[in-house]
Amino acid sequence: MKAYCYYVRSAFLFTILLVLYNNAVADQTVEGTCDLPSCNDDNSGSMDDPKNHLHHKLIQWIQSSGGIINEKQEIRLQDPLDPASGLGIFAVERIEEGEILCMIPDNLMVQPEEEIERTSQFNCETIRVLIDSMERMELGEESKFASYVSYLRTLPRGQLPETWSETGFRALCDIFELEGRSEWNTQITDFLPMWYKDCEGAKDNPLHEHLAMQVALRSEDDVMIPFYDMYNHRNGDWFNTRQKFDKNDDSLEISARRTIEAGEQIYNSYNMCDGCGSRKLSFFDTQKLFVYYGFVEQMPQRWNFLGQNVVFDLDEKKDDPDIIELTWAASVLPNPDMLGYMQEEIERITQLEQSLQEKQSSSPASFVPNNEWHMITQYLNAYRSALGHAISATEKLFREWEADGWDRNDWEEDEDEEEDDWEEDDAEEEDEAEGGREHGSYLSLRIDDWE
């Protein structure tokens, strides 16, 4: 009975402290008027009321500090029936092409106050600005970025695959055929080592690590841009925003790339945006988006196996989304070696998935956490589907060639000719980049027919 009373008193005291802390955090934000429809609807967001409150405070802070947020947008669940679907920004009214969606001035962007010589590829100083803001809030002091930091703190941890549990990460390394963290950090991403080694991050403070990983996930180069970083990624016809940096006042303006109808989600692109630079030409694909951002992109997708000279795009047919169309990227001519690699890979992935499922079913509590397992299965399904489409398309193409007298058994790769072709294509891509090529669609390197 004494233990029970002690527990009740402790829980009561903890609840009071938590309420006082949340009120203190809320008081740090700048009051203002929130014009978005969701600000007046506690059920429109993707989370419970307290988190909706944080979204509203963030928007109020931006609007009252010289920023612009178009009132024709709302923040809500991507799937209203699925609490795990994540947030998205949606149009609540028709938005015309060229209409401003948001404008974030330089003074609201999280960045070092003074230009500092970089000692790491990771922006340690931007992380320290966030940590300093959080520590001021905890001391009850005013903090410029309080509303933004409060929002970042509510975001789920473990989105970045590099930060997964040991069991989840081992499964991921099996998928990518890597030995462990050392190979992953060398060949894939190394955000955690940079945070702890280059930035000298505190290893006993998981909240600091969380903010550091949010910078890895959400920053635009060295800068964190509130609200702008809430636009989700999708390419093709769904990519409906345009970004413009104003050199006069260093503000970022996001406008509608095309007319956006009410109910449509508003999307940015993480690899084909106006400021994405080399990512447009470097085949930054579905796999890289998964390991860098922790999600499997919706159609259209690009799959890149440059080590095997395999690069192709998948997209839904415009008049029938159930039909998936495949297009080989420029300079990638299907060949028997490529087909053999894809057949072996789909067999490996299928066997690996079966093995992982058996382990997960036999001991789910001690194997991979549910959120990581969901991402693993989502990626494996997309990967296997992509390979299946590519194998089918290659076989179909080979049958057409064989009808014209081609014999796949007599095929031999002309390595010198292939290398020359790649060098020529690289030169053409560099010329296009220097000429400021306007990006018209996601499949900017696609070709429709092979002679």
Foldseek 3Di string as FASTA:
>chain_A
DVVVVVVVVVVVVVVVVVVVLLVLLLVLFDAADALAPLLVPQLFALDHNSLSVLVRSLRRRQVVVPKDADNQKDWYAPDSVDSPRDIFIFGQAKAAFFAWHMKGFPVLKQFDPDDDDDPDQQQLRSLVLLVVQVVCSVVSHHHSCSSVSVNLLPDDPPLAVLPFDQQLVVLVCLLVVHDHNVRCVVPANPQPCCCCPVNVDDPVDVSSVSSSLCCLAQPDSRIHTPPVSRAAADFFPLAFWAWDQDPVRRMIIIGGNHIHHGPRTHHHHCQQYLPNACSLVPCCWQVNCCNRHRARYDPFTWDDDVVQLFIKTWHADPVGSVDIDIFGFPLRDDAPSSLVVLVVSLVSLVVSVVVLVVVCVVCVPPHGDPVSVVSVVVVSVVSNVVSVVVNVVSVVVVVVVVVVPDDRVPDDDPVVVSVVSVVVVVVVVVVCSVVSPDDDGSSPRTDDDDD
